[in-house]
N, C-alpha and C. Protein backbone atom coordinates (compact mmCIF):
# COMPACT_ATOMS: atom_id res chain seq x y z
N UNK A 1 -101.73 71.16 13.87
CA UNK A 1 -100.26 72.71 13.79
C UNK A 1 -98.90 72.26 14.20
N UNK A 2 -98.80 70.68 15.17
CA UNK A 2 -97.93 69.93 15.61
C UNK A 2 -97.35 69.92 14.38
N UNK A 3 -98.43 69.36 13.64
CA UNK A 3 -97.97 68.44 12.24
C UNK A 3 -96.73 69.62 11.40
N UNK A 4 -97.39 70.63 11.10
CA UNK A 4 -96.95 71.40 10.51
C UNK A 4 -95.95 72.31 11.03
N UNK A 5 -95.43 72.42 12.09
CA UNK A 5 -94.51 72.68 12.95
C UNK A 5 -93.38 71.64 12.76
N UNK A 6 -93.75 70.29 12.61
CA UNK A 6 -92.77 69.11 12.46
C UNK A 6 -92.52 69.00 11.29
N UNK A 7 -93.10 69.76 10.32
CA UNK A 7 -92.37 69.60 8.42
C UNK A 7 -91.56 70.98 8.37
N UNK A 8 -92.07 71.82 9.02
CA UNK A 8 -90.62 73.41 8.80
C UNK A 8 -89.93 72.91 9.71
N UNK A 9 -89.78 72.20 11.10
CA UNK A 9 -88.59 72.03 11.64
C UNK A 9 -87.40 70.90 10.93
N UNK A 10 -88.41 70.26 10.01
CA UNK A 10 -87.45 68.85 9.39
C UNK A 10 -86.72 69.48 8.48
N UNK A 11 -87.24 70.56 7.54
CA UNK A 11 -86.84 71.46 6.64
C UNK A 11 -85.94 72.41 6.53
N UNK A 12 -85.96 73.24 8.32
CA UNK A 12 -84.92 73.89 8.45
C UNK A 12 -84.07 72.85 8.67
N UNK A 13 -83.56 71.90 9.05
CA UNK A 13 -82.53 71.04 9.50
C UNK A 13 -82.19 70.92 8.21
N UNK A 14 -82.44 70.24 7.04
CA UNK A 14 -82.71 70.02 5.87
C UNK A 14 -82.05 71.40 5.29
N UNK A 15 -82.28 72.44 5.42
CA UNK A 15 -81.56 73.25 4.83
C UNK A 15 -80.40 73.53 5.26
N UNK A 16 -80.60 73.81 6.71
CA UNK A 16 -79.31 74.12 6.91
C UNK A 16 -78.14 72.82 6.81
N UNK A 17 -78.38 72.12 6.62
CA UNK A 17 -77.67 71.22 6.41
C UNK A 17 -76.28 71.45 5.50
N UNK A 18 -77.58 71.69 4.09
CA UNK A 18 -77.29 71.78 3.08
C UNK A 18 -76.20 73.29 2.68
N UNK A 19 -76.92 73.97 3.64
CA UNK A 19 -75.77 75.11 3.17
C UNK A 19 -74.72 74.92 4.35
N UNK A 20 -74.78 74.47 5.22
CA UNK A 20 -73.26 73.89 5.80
C UNK A 20 -72.15 72.88 4.90
N UNK A 21 -73.20 71.92 4.25
CA UNK A 21 -72.44 71.16 3.06
C UNK A 21 -71.71 71.89 1.98
N UNK A 22 -72.38 72.71 1.40
CA UNK A 22 -72.41 73.65 0.43
C UNK A 22 -70.84 75.00 0.65
N UNK A 23 -70.87 75.82 2.18
CA UNK A 23 -70.39 76.04 2.88
C UNK A 23 -68.52 75.44 2.55
N UNK A 24 -68.43 73.83 3.46
CA UNK A 24 -67.61 73.36 3.40
C UNK A 24 -66.90 72.90 2.11
N UNK A 25 -67.76 72.68 0.72
CA UNK A 25 -67.42 72.42 -0.04
C UNK A 25 -66.65 73.30 -0.69
N UNK A 26 -67.52 74.38 -0.65
CA UNK A 26 -66.63 75.56 -0.72
C UNK A 26 -65.61 76.18 -0.74
N UNK A 27 -64.95 75.94 1.09
CA UNK A 27 -63.99 75.73 1.61
C UNK A 27 -62.82 74.94 0.92
N UNK A 28 -63.38 73.52 0.64
CA UNK A 28 -62.55 72.42 0.36
C UNK A 28 -61.78 72.56 -0.66
N UNK A 29 -62.82 73.32 -1.73
CA UNK A 29 -62.53 73.95 -3.19
C UNK A 29 -61.54 74.59 -3.16
N UNK A 30 -61.99 76.23 -2.50
CA UNK A 30 -60.85 77.08 -2.24
C UNK A 30 -59.27 76.78 -1.60
N UNK A 31 -59.21 75.59 -0.78
CA UNK A 31 -57.99 75.45 -0.04
C UNK A 31 -56.96 74.61 -1.25
N UNK A 32 -57.58 73.81 -2.28
CA UNK A 32 -56.95 73.07 -3.03
C UNK A 32 -55.89 73.58 -3.91
N UNK A 33 -55.05 72.96 -4.56
CA UNK A 33 -54.09 73.68 -5.25
C UNK A 33 -54.03 73.43 -6.72
N UNK A 34 -54.03 73.98 -7.54
CA UNK A 34 -54.28 74.57 -8.76
C UNK A 34 -53.20 74.84 -9.62
N UNK A 35 -52.48 74.06 -10.84
CA UNK A 35 -51.52 74.53 -11.33
C UNK A 35 -51.67 74.08 -12.81
N UNK A 36 -51.69 75.08 -14.03
CA UNK A 36 -51.95 74.54 -15.10
C UNK A 36 -49.92 74.26 -15.47
N UNK A 37 -49.22 73.38 -14.62
CA UNK A 37 -47.71 72.86 -15.19
C UNK A 37 -47.56 73.63 -16.60
N UNK A 38 -47.78 73.14 -17.88
CA UNK A 38 -47.29 72.75 -18.93
C UNK A 38 -48.28 72.49 -19.75
N UNK A 39 -47.66 73.05 -21.28
CA UNK A 39 -48.25 72.54 -22.30
C UNK A 39 -47.51 71.71 -23.54
N UNK A 40 -47.81 70.70 -23.84
CA UNK A 40 -46.99 69.98 -24.82
C UNK A 40 -47.40 69.25 -26.24
N UNK A 41 -46.58 69.38 -27.20
CA UNK A 41 -47.01 69.45 -28.69
C UNK A 41 -47.44 67.94 -28.59
N UNK A 42 -48.10 68.02 -29.23
CA UNK A 42 -48.51 66.00 -29.02
C UNK A 42 -48.77 65.52 -30.77
N UNK A 43 -49.08 66.60 -31.56
CA UNK A 43 -49.20 65.91 -33.16
C UNK A 43 -49.98 66.75 -34.31
N UNK A 44 -49.35 66.93 -35.78
CA UNK A 44 -49.99 67.66 -36.15
C UNK A 44 -51.04 66.77 -37.51
N UNK A 45 -52.23 67.35 -37.76
CA UNK A 45 -53.05 66.08 -38.83
C UNK A 45 -52.84 66.97 -40.23
N UNK A 46 -53.24 66.25 -41.27
CA UNK A 46 -52.62 66.72 -42.55
C UNK A 46 -54.13 66.50 -43.28
N UNK A 47 -54.07 67.46 -44.30
CA UNK A 47 -54.59 67.11 -45.47
C UNK A 47 -53.93 66.65 -46.65
N UNK A 48 -54.73 65.71 -47.69
CA UNK A 48 -53.81 64.91 -48.71
C UNK A 48 -52.44 64.92 -48.16
N UNK A 49 -52.30 64.24 -46.86
CA UNK A 49 -51.08 63.89 -46.53
C UNK A 49 -49.83 64.95 -46.28
N UNK A 50 -49.84 65.87 -46.89
CA UNK A 50 -48.54 66.56 -47.03
C UNK A 50 -49.02 68.03 -46.23
N UNK A 51 -50.35 68.39 -46.16
CA UNK A 51 -50.84 69.92 -46.08
C UNK A 51 -51.31 70.15 -44.48
N UNK A 52 -50.51 70.77 -43.74
CA UNK A 52 -50.84 70.39 -42.08
C UNK A 52 -52.44 71.57 -42.30
N UNK A 53 -53.00 71.07 -41.41
CA UNK A 53 -54.37 71.35 -40.73
C UNK A 53 -54.59 71.64 -39.98
N UNK A 54 -54.64 70.89 -38.43
CA UNK A 54 -54.46 71.56 -36.96
C UNK A 54 -53.12 70.74 -36.26
N UNK A 55 -53.42 71.48 -35.43
CA UNK A 55 -52.22 71.25 -34.45
C UNK A 55 -52.64 71.23 -32.64
N UNK A 56 -52.17 69.83 -32.07
CA UNK A 56 -53.29 69.30 -31.53
C UNK A 56 -51.94 69.42 -30.25
N UNK A 57 -52.03 69.82 -28.89
CA UNK A 57 -51.52 69.99 -27.64
C UNK A 57 -52.23 69.36 -26.64
N UNK A 58 -51.59 69.30 -25.28
CA UNK A 58 -51.31 68.33 -24.02
C UNK A 58 -51.08 69.54 -22.93
N UNK A 59 -52.46 69.35 -22.20
CA UNK A 59 -52.24 70.62 -21.23
C UNK A 59 -52.27 70.09 -19.89
N UNK A 60 -51.29 70.23 -19.01
CA UNK A 60 -51.22 69.71 -17.90
C UNK A 60 -51.64 70.39 -16.63
N UNK A 61 -53.29 70.00 -15.92
CA UNK A 61 -53.56 70.22 -14.94
C UNK A 61 -53.34 69.66 -13.63
N UNK A 62 -52.45 70.45 -12.72
CA UNK A 62 -51.94 69.67 -11.53
C UNK A 62 -52.87 70.49 -10.46
N UNK A 63 -53.73 69.15 -9.88
CA UNK A 63 -54.59 69.59 -8.34
C UNK A 63 -54.02 68.56 -7.22
N UNK A 64 -53.84 69.49 -5.98
CA UNK A 64 -53.42 69.21 -5.02
C UNK A 64 -54.50 69.34 -3.70
N UNK A 65 -54.64 67.84 -3.17
CA UNK A 65 -55.87 68.28 -2.05
C UNK A 65 -55.66 68.52 -1.03
N UNK A 66 -55.38 69.39 -0.28
CA UNK A 66 -54.99 69.84 0.89
C UNK A 66 -56.02 70.08 1.72
N UNK A 67 -56.53 69.27 1.63
CA UNK A 67 -57.99 68.82 2.69
C UNK A 67 -57.81 67.54 3.17
N UNK A 68 -58.71 67.00 4.36
CA UNK A 68 -58.54 66.07 5.09
C UNK A 68 -59.99 65.30 4.20
N UNK A 69 -60.35 65.82 3.67
CA UNK A 69 -61.37 65.02 2.82
C UNK A 69 -61.19 64.67 1.60
N UNK A 70 -61.42 63.45 0.62
CA UNK A 70 -61.38 63.12 -0.31
C UNK A 70 -62.27 63.98 -1.81
N UNK A 71 -61.43 64.66 -2.37
CA UNK A 71 -62.25 65.16 -3.30
C UNK A 71 -62.29 64.70 -4.93
N UNK A 72 -63.10 65.46 -5.80
CA UNK A 72 -63.14 64.41 -7.15
C UNK A 72 -62.84 65.41 -8.30
N UNK A 73 -62.15 65.88 -8.95
CA UNK A 73 -62.20 66.55 -10.26
C UNK A 73 -63.26 66.32 -10.81
N UNK A 74 -64.28 66.88 -11.43
CA UNK A 74 -65.13 66.65 -12.44
C UNK A 74 -65.30 67.47 -13.71
N UNK A 75 -64.97 68.89 -14.11
CA UNK A 75 -64.62 69.45 -15.16
C UNK A 75 -63.87 70.49 -15.38
N UNK A 76 -63.29 70.83 -16.60
CA UNK A 76 -62.85 71.73 -16.88
C UNK A 76 -63.69 72.65 -18.03
N UNK A 77 -63.91 73.90 -17.99
CA UNK A 77 -64.17 74.44 -19.29
C UNK A 77 -63.54 75.68 -18.82
N UNK A 78 -62.68 76.21 -20.15
CA UNK A 78 -61.63 77.23 -20.64
C UNK A 78 -62.06 77.57 -22.30
N UNK A 79 -61.21 78.81 -22.19
CA UNK A 79 -61.02 79.59 -24.16
C UNK A 79 -59.61 79.37 -23.89
N UNK A 80 -58.69 78.92 -25.03
CA UNK A 80 -57.68 79.30 -25.61
C UNK A 80 -57.26 81.02 -26.12
N UNK A 81 -56.29 81.42 -26.18
CA UNK A 81 -55.37 82.51 -26.87
C UNK A 81 -54.47 82.40 -27.66
N UNK A 82 -54.58 83.25 -28.38
CA UNK A 82 -53.27 83.06 -29.14
C UNK A 82 -52.88 84.80 -29.19
N UNK A 83 -51.83 84.62 -28.59
CA UNK A 83 -51.51 86.35 -27.89
C UNK A 83 -52.60 86.98 -27.40
N UNK A 84 -53.41 88.12 -27.66
CA UNK A 84 -54.49 88.54 -26.88
C UNK A 84 -55.56 87.94 -28.08
N UNK A 85 -55.69 87.11 -28.78
CA UNK A 85 -57.24 86.57 -29.58
C UNK A 85 -57.51 85.73 -29.15
N UNK A 86 -58.94 85.84 -28.69
CA UNK A 86 -59.18 84.62 -28.63
C UNK A 86 -59.77 83.58 -29.84
N UNK A 87 -59.58 82.24 -29.26
CA UNK A 87 -59.34 81.35 -30.30
C UNK A 87 -60.37 80.53 -30.24
N UNK A 88 -60.80 79.48 -29.34
CA UNK A 88 -62.23 78.32 -29.38
C UNK A 88 -61.78 78.40 -27.97
N UNK A 89 -63.19 76.89 -27.66
CA UNK A 89 -63.02 76.80 -26.42
C UNK A 89 -62.66 75.28 -26.01
N UNK A 90 -62.68 75.31 -24.61
CA UNK A 90 -62.29 73.80 -24.12
C UNK A 90 -63.51 73.47 -23.25
N UNK A 91 -63.65 72.52 -23.45
CA UNK A 91 -64.96 71.65 -22.88
C UNK A 91 -64.29 69.80 -22.02
N UNK A 92 -63.58 70.24 -20.75
CA UNK A 92 -62.89 68.79 -20.44
C UNK A 92 -63.92 68.10 -19.44
N UNK A 93 -64.80 66.39 -19.56
CA UNK A 93 -64.64 66.36 -18.36
C UNK A 93 -64.59 64.79 -17.62
N UNK A 94 -64.11 64.69 -17.09
CA UNK A 94 -63.62 63.41 -15.99
C UNK A 94 -63.56 63.23 -15.19
N UNK A 95 -64.04 62.20 -14.60
CA UNK A 95 -64.18 62.15 -13.14
C UNK A 95 -62.77 61.31 -12.24
N UNK A 96 -61.84 62.52 -11.39
CA UNK A 96 -60.45 61.79 -10.93
C UNK A 96 -61.15 61.98 -9.51
N UNK A 97 -60.48 60.69 -8.60
CA UNK A 97 -60.59 60.95 -7.21
C UNK A 97 -59.17 61.61 -6.86
N UNK A 98 -59.37 62.30 -6.34
CA UNK A 98 -58.21 62.74 -5.11
C UNK A 98 -58.39 62.55 -3.85
N UNK A 99 -57.04 61.93 -3.49
CA UNK A 99 -57.21 61.33 -1.57
C UNK A 99 -56.65 62.68 -0.78
N UNK A 100 -56.61 62.40 0.32
CA UNK A 100 -56.32 63.54 1.03
C UNK A 100 -54.84 63.88 1.01
N UNK A 101 -54.15 65.19 1.10
CA UNK A 101 -52.58 65.12 0.62
C UNK A 101 -52.52 64.61 -0.25
N UNK A 102 -53.03 64.10 -1.17
CA UNK A 102 -52.23 64.14 -2.51
C UNK A 102 -52.40 64.50 -3.76
N UNK A 103 -52.00 64.40 -4.82
CA UNK A 103 -52.01 65.37 -6.35
C UNK A 103 -52.48 63.91 -7.33
N UNK A 104 -53.06 64.81 -8.21
CA UNK A 104 -53.19 63.91 -10.01
C UNK A 104 -53.10 65.06 -10.57
N UNK A 105 -52.62 64.99 -11.69
CA UNK A 105 -52.42 65.60 -13.27
C UNK A 105 -53.40 64.80 -14.39
N UNK A 106 -54.13 66.02 -14.83
CA UNK A 106 -55.18 65.43 -15.70
C UNK A 106 -54.40 66.34 -17.03
N UNK A 107 -54.70 65.40 -18.01
CA UNK A 107 -54.11 66.24 -19.35
C UNK A 107 -55.43 66.02 -19.74
N UNK A 108 -55.53 67.60 -20.36
CA UNK A 108 -56.41 68.59 -20.98
C UNK A 108 -56.27 68.53 -22.45
N UNK A 109 -56.82 67.76 -23.78
CA UNK A 109 -56.15 68.19 -24.51
C UNK A 109 -56.88 69.63 -26.05
N UNK A 110 -56.25 70.12 -26.64
CA UNK A 110 -56.66 70.62 -27.52
C UNK A 110 -56.22 70.95 -28.43
N UNK A 111 -57.31 71.63 -29.56
CA UNK A 111 -56.81 71.18 -30.84
C UNK A 111 -56.83 73.14 -31.71
N UNK A 112 -55.80 73.35 -32.47
CA UNK A 112 -55.50 75.17 -32.93
C UNK A 112 -55.44 74.54 -34.27
N UNK A 113 -56.11 75.38 -35.38
CA UNK A 113 -56.07 75.18 -36.85
C UNK A 113 -54.46 76.11 -37.18
N UNK A 114 -53.75 75.44 -38.25
CA UNK A 114 -52.60 75.50 -38.66
C UNK A 114 -52.75 77.12 -38.97
N UNK A 115 -53.42 77.24 -39.31
CA UNK A 115 -53.20 78.56 -40.41
C UNK A 115 -53.53 79.59 -39.11
N UNK A 116 -54.29 79.31 -37.84
CA UNK A 116 -53.70 80.49 -36.93
C UNK A 116 -52.46 80.88 -36.33
N UNK A 117 -51.89 79.50 -36.36
CA UNK A 117 -50.42 79.35 -35.90
C UNK A 117 -49.46 79.90 -36.57
N UNK A 118 -49.61 79.85 -37.90
CA UNK A 118 -48.65 79.75 -39.33
C UNK A 118 -48.60 81.63 -39.64
N UNK A 119 -50.16 82.51 -39.18
CA UNK A 119 -49.87 83.61 -39.56
C UNK A 119 -50.03 84.26 -40.66
N UNK A 120 -50.94 82.95 -41.31
CA UNK A 120 -51.48 83.68 -43.09
C UNK A 120 -52.34 84.13 -43.09
N UNK A 121 -52.85 84.64 -41.92
CA UNK A 121 -53.96 86.49 -42.14
C UNK A 121 -53.15 87.27 -41.22
N UNK A 122 -52.64 86.88 -40.44
CA UNK A 122 -51.67 88.36 -39.76
C UNK A 122 -49.78 87.51 -39.46
N UNK A 123 -49.90 88.52 -38.27
CA UNK A 123 -48.53 88.01 -37.35
C UNK A 123 -48.72 86.91 -36.57
N UNK A 124 -47.36 86.08 -36.65
CA UNK A 124 -47.43 84.53 -36.39
C UNK A 124 -47.81 84.86 -34.63
N UNK A 125 -48.68 84.28 -33.79
CA UNK A 125 -48.62 84.59 -32.46
C UNK A 125 -46.95 84.15 -31.94
N UNK A 126 -47.22 84.28 -30.85
CA UNK A 126 -45.84 84.10 -29.96
C UNK A 126 -46.31 83.00 -28.65
N UNK A 127 -47.46 83.66 -28.27
CA UNK A 127 -47.86 82.65 -26.70
C UNK A 127 -49.36 81.77 -27.21
N UNK A 128 -49.42 80.84 -26.56
CA UNK A 128 -50.92 80.50 -25.86
C UNK A 128 -51.38 80.73 -24.82
N UNK A 129 -52.11 81.11 -24.02
CA UNK A 129 -52.81 81.47 -22.75
C UNK A 129 -54.21 80.74 -22.74
N UNK A 130 -53.90 79.76 -21.75
CA UNK A 130 -55.32 79.67 -21.21
C UNK A 130 -55.86 80.02 -19.93
N UNK A 131 -57.32 80.19 -20.16
CA UNK A 131 -58.17 80.59 -19.35
C UNK A 131 -59.35 79.69 -18.87
N UNK A 132 -59.68 78.95 -17.91
CA UNK A 132 -60.82 78.70 -17.42
C UNK A 132 -61.17 78.52 -16.09
N UNK A 133 -62.36 77.61 -15.47
CA UNK A 133 -63.01 77.34 -14.38
C UNK A 133 -62.37 75.58 -14.25
N UNK A 134 -62.65 75.31 -12.81
CA UNK A 134 -62.17 74.06 -12.26
C UNK A 134 -63.27 73.54 -11.54
N UNK A 135 -63.92 73.10 -11.75
CA UNK A 135 -64.91 72.17 -11.30
C UNK A 135 -64.51 71.05 -10.31
N UNK A 136 -64.84 71.22 -8.80
CA UNK A 136 -64.45 69.64 -7.89
C UNK A 136 -65.55 69.76 -7.18
N UNK A 137 -65.68 67.93 -6.65
CA UNK A 137 -66.94 67.83 -6.14
C UNK A 137 -66.49 66.82 -5.09
N UNK A 138 -66.97 67.14 -3.87
CA UNK A 138 -66.57 66.40 -2.51
C UNK A 138 -67.59 65.02 -2.47
N UNK A 139 -66.61 64.07 -2.06
CA UNK A 139 -66.62 62.86 -2.06
C UNK A 139 -66.60 62.24 -0.52
N UNK A 140 -67.75 61.15 -0.43
CA UNK A 140 -68.01 60.92 1.18
C UNK A 140 -68.45 59.38 0.86
N UNK A 141 -67.70 58.43 1.00
CA UNK A 141 -67.85 57.57 0.68
C UNK A 141 -68.19 56.87 -0.67
N UNK A 142 -69.37 56.19 -1.49
CA UNK A 142 -69.55 55.95 -2.52
C UNK A 142 -70.15 57.24 -3.05
N UNK A 143 -70.80 58.37 -1.93
CA UNK A 143 -71.75 59.50 -2.42
C UNK A 143 -70.89 60.93 -3.11
N UNK A 144 -71.55 61.28 -4.05
CA UNK A 144 -70.70 62.45 -4.25
C UNK A 144 -71.13 63.57 -4.34
N UNK A 145 -71.05 64.77 -3.80
CA UNK A 145 -71.66 65.84 -3.36
C UNK A 145 -71.28 67.09 -4.44
N UNK A 146 -72.02 67.09 -5.76
CA UNK A 146 -71.96 68.21 -6.53
C UNK A 146 -71.96 69.60 -6.27
N UNK A 147 -71.31 70.00 -6.68
CA UNK A 147 -71.07 71.71 -5.73
C UNK A 147 -71.20 72.56 -7.31
N UNK A 148 -71.86 73.73 -7.01
CA UNK A 148 -71.68 74.79 -7.80
C UNK A 148 -70.26 75.45 -8.01
N UNK A 149 -69.21 75.28 -7.55
CA UNK A 149 -68.86 76.39 -7.00
C UNK A 149 -67.27 76.15 -8.04
N UNK A 150 -66.52 77.17 -8.64
CA UNK A 150 -65.45 76.75 -9.29
C UNK A 150 -64.44 77.59 -9.11
N UNK A 151 -62.82 77.28 -9.62
CA UNK A 151 -61.83 77.99 -9.22
C UNK A 151 -61.77 78.55 -10.64
N UNK A 152 -61.11 79.98 -10.94
CA UNK A 152 -60.39 80.46 -11.97
C UNK A 152 -59.05 80.14 -12.28
N UNK A 153 -58.50 80.00 -13.19
CA UNK A 153 -57.08 79.71 -13.18
C UNK A 153 -56.89 80.02 -14.89
N UNK A 154 -55.81 80.63 -15.07
CA UNK A 154 -55.19 81.37 -16.29
C UNK A 154 -53.44 81.33 -16.01
N UNK A 155 -53.18 80.70 -17.37
CA UNK A 155 -51.34 80.17 -17.62
C UNK A 155 -51.23 80.80 -19.14
N UNK A 156 -50.02 81.56 -19.15
CA UNK A 156 -49.43 81.64 -20.73
C UNK A 156 -48.09 81.18 -20.64
N UNK A 157 -48.27 80.05 -22.30
CA UNK A 157 -47.28 79.08 -22.73
C UNK A 157 -46.62 80.00 -24.24
N UNK A 158 -45.40 79.57 -24.46
CA UNK A 158 -44.51 79.93 -24.95
C UNK A 158 -45.31 78.65 -26.11
N UNK A 159 -45.71 78.55 -27.63
CA UNK A 159 -45.91 77.86 -28.38
C UNK A 159 -44.83 77.47 -29.07
N UNK A 160 -44.39 75.74 -28.85
CA UNK A 160 -43.65 75.58 -29.61
C UNK A 160 -43.07 74.53 -30.68
N UNK A 161 -42.75 76.07 -31.43
CA UNK A 161 -42.59 76.09 -32.72
C UNK A 161 -41.44 75.30 -33.58
N UNK A 162 -40.73 74.73 -32.46
CA UNK A 162 -39.57 74.17 -33.33
C UNK A 162 -40.27 72.57 -33.42
N UNK A 163 -40.92 71.88 -32.09
CA UNK A 163 -41.56 70.91 -32.53
C UNK A 163 -42.89 70.68 -33.43
N UNK A 164 -43.60 71.60 -33.67
CA UNK A 164 -44.29 71.43 -34.85
C UNK A 164 -43.66 71.53 -36.03
N UNK A 165 -42.58 72.52 -36.43
CA UNK A 165 -41.76 72.45 -37.57
C UNK A 165 -41.17 70.95 -38.02
N UNK A 166 -40.66 70.09 -36.90
CA UNK A 166 -40.01 69.14 -37.08
C UNK A 166 -40.92 68.25 -37.56
N UNK A 167 -42.16 68.41 -36.82
CA UNK A 167 -43.55 66.86 -37.15
C UNK A 167 -43.36 67.42 -38.42
N UNK A 168 -43.81 68.76 -38.94
CA UNK A 168 -44.15 69.05 -40.67
C UNK A 168 -43.19 68.09 -41.22
N UNK A 169 -41.90 68.78 -41.14
CA UNK A 169 -40.56 67.93 -41.88
C UNK A 169 -40.40 66.15 -41.94
N UNK A 170 -40.81 66.28 -40.90
CA UNK A 170 -40.92 64.28 -40.76
C UNK A 170 -41.93 63.72 -41.63
N UNK A 171 -43.12 64.78 -41.49
CA UNK A 171 -43.87 64.19 -42.37
C UNK A 171 -43.69 64.35 -43.95
N UNK A 172 -43.47 65.50 -44.19
CA UNK A 172 -42.96 65.60 -45.66
C UNK A 172 -41.51 65.16 -46.33
N UNK A 173 -41.00 64.31 -45.31
CA UNK A 173 -39.64 63.40 -45.79
C UNK A 173 -40.55 61.70 -45.82
N UNK A 174 -41.30 61.44 -44.90
CA UNK A 174 -41.97 60.08 -45.06
C UNK A 174 -43.10 60.32 -46.13
N UNK A 175 -43.19 61.29 -46.89
CA UNK A 175 -44.05 61.41 -47.67
C UNK A 175 -43.09 61.13 -48.84
N UNK A 176 -41.94 61.72 -49.67
CA UNK A 176 -41.16 61.33 -50.39
C UNK A 176 -40.79 60.27 -51.18
N UNK A 177 -40.56 59.73 -49.05
CA UNK A 177 -39.98 57.92 -49.25
C UNK A 177 -41.03 57.33 -49.85
N UNK A 178 -42.33 57.22 -49.69
CA UNK A 178 -43.55 56.66 -49.33
C UNK A 178 -43.42 56.06 -48.05
N UNK A 179 -44.98 55.66 -47.86
CA UNK A 179 -45.22 54.75 -46.78
C UNK A 179 -44.78 53.31 -47.40
N UNK A 180 -45.55 52.67 -46.21
CA UNK A 180 -45.53 51.23 -46.23
C UNK A 180 -46.06 50.51 -47.26
N UNK A 181 -47.24 50.87 -47.44
CA UNK A 181 -48.55 50.52 -47.69
C UNK A 181 -47.81 51.34 -49.23
N UNK A 182 -47.72 51.88 -49.67
CA UNK A 182 -47.43 51.98 -51.01
C UNK A 182 -46.10 51.51 -51.56
N UNK A 183 -44.93 51.24 -50.69
CA UNK A 183 -43.66 50.59 -50.69
C UNK A 183 -44.21 49.07 -51.41
N UNK A 184 -44.96 48.10 -50.22
CA UNK A 184 -45.62 46.79 -50.56
C UNK A 184 -46.06 46.60 -51.93
N UNK A 185 -47.32 47.55 -52.80
CA UNK A 185 -47.38 48.03 -53.71
C UNK A 185 -46.56 47.78 -55.11
N UNK A 186 -45.76 49.08 -54.64
CA UNK A 186 -44.60 48.66 -55.96
C UNK A 186 -44.17 47.37 -55.94
N UNK A 187 -43.56 46.74 -54.66
CA UNK A 187 -42.63 45.67 -54.58
C UNK A 187 -43.85 44.53 -55.70
N UNK A 188 -44.64 44.56 -55.06
CA UNK A 188 -45.60 43.39 -55.58
C UNK A 188 -45.90 43.99 -56.96
N UNK A 189 -46.42 44.93 -57.96
CA UNK A 189 -46.22 44.93 -59.53
C UNK A 189 -44.58 45.13 -60.16
N UNK A 190 -43.75 45.26 -59.19
CA UNK A 190 -42.59 44.90 -59.66
C UNK A 190 -42.11 43.37 -60.03
N UNK A 191 -43.07 42.58 -58.75
CA UNK A 191 -42.72 41.13 -59.43
C UNK A 191 -43.62 40.19 -60.08
N UNK A 192 -44.55 41.49 -60.52
CA UNK A 192 -45.10 40.62 -61.58
C UNK A 192 -45.09 41.11 -63.02
N UNK A 193 -44.11 41.82 -63.36
CA UNK A 193 -43.88 42.36 -64.53
C UNK A 193 -42.99 41.51 -65.45
N UNK A 194 -42.79 40.32 -65.11
CA UNK A 194 -42.25 39.65 -65.87
C UNK A 194 -43.57 38.64 -66.88
N UNK A 195 -44.52 38.41 -65.90
CA UNK A 195 -45.90 37.63 -66.50
C UNK A 195 -46.74 38.54 -67.06
N UNK A 196 -46.23 39.96 -67.16
CA UNK A 196 -47.26 40.98 -68.03
C UNK A 196 -46.63 41.05 -69.03
N UNK A 197 -44.96 40.89 -69.18
CA UNK A 197 -44.74 41.00 -70.27
C UNK A 197 -44.75 39.70 -70.91
N UNK A 198 -44.63 38.82 -70.57
CA UNK A 198 -44.83 37.69 -71.78
C UNK A 198 -46.26 37.65 -71.65
N UNK A 199 -46.99 38.44 -71.16
CA UNK A 199 -48.84 38.12 -71.58
C UNK A 199 -49.09 38.93 -72.93
N UNK A 200 -48.10 40.14 -72.97
CA UNK A 200 -48.09 41.18 -73.83
C UNK A 200 -47.68 40.79 -75.26
N UNK A 201 -46.27 39.80 -75.31
CA UNK A 201 -46.17 38.86 -76.13
C UNK A 201 -47.03 38.00 -76.85
N UNK A 202 -47.48 37.38 -75.93
CA UNK A 202 -48.33 36.55 -76.19
C UNK A 202 -49.72 37.28 -77.05
N UNK A 203 -50.22 38.49 -77.15
CA UNK A 203 -51.02 38.82 -77.57
C UNK A 203 -50.30 39.08 -78.87
N UNK A 204 -49.15 39.50 -79.46
CA UNK A 204 -48.69 40.74 -80.08
C UNK A 204 -48.52 39.04 -81.16
N UNK A 205 -48.41 37.74 -80.84
CA UNK A 205 -48.18 36.58 -81.78
C UNK A 205 -49.42 35.98 -81.83
N UNK A 206 -50.90 36.48 -81.31
CA UNK A 206 -51.98 35.65 -81.86
C UNK A 206 -52.34 36.78 -82.78
N UNK A 207 -52.42 38.17 -82.48
CA UNK A 207 -52.83 39.17 -83.68
C UNK A 207 -51.65 39.27 -84.53
């Protein structure tokens, strides 16, 4: 009977400790500050050198640890919208330590098909909205307390069409000029032109 009582007491203490940890984790999570600071154009990918395929963006998420304990960014799970239309999801995972009273900025990449931005199917969108959940863990030395809690965040940005169009124009101009590899091949062909010409003349004399 005493043995059963002891086991029950240990289980109760463990359960209370777990509840306390979870409560503390939730409070720390809620006390931190989260901000989607900005979205920046990264690059455009192309099909067949000149046809735009996808546009890549960098989304800057700033986390400020206002608590007295060290915390860690775990992951971001979100959704991208063009105007009010749901486009695709973002799943970003990276372990980032954030000391007490300090901030960290995590860059979260996203990709949008060029057809969706260009308005081929309908009106060209004006805004990008990022909506998602931020998961933060507690740290105690080398021990990481995984938490099931999250903070929701949402922000809307203007689409930087000027930078997208500039990147496309630069690519088109580079394509017209030719790449260094193509220019090098042309140069080598020009250098061997006299030898090819002499070879042709030699064949004519023989035949």
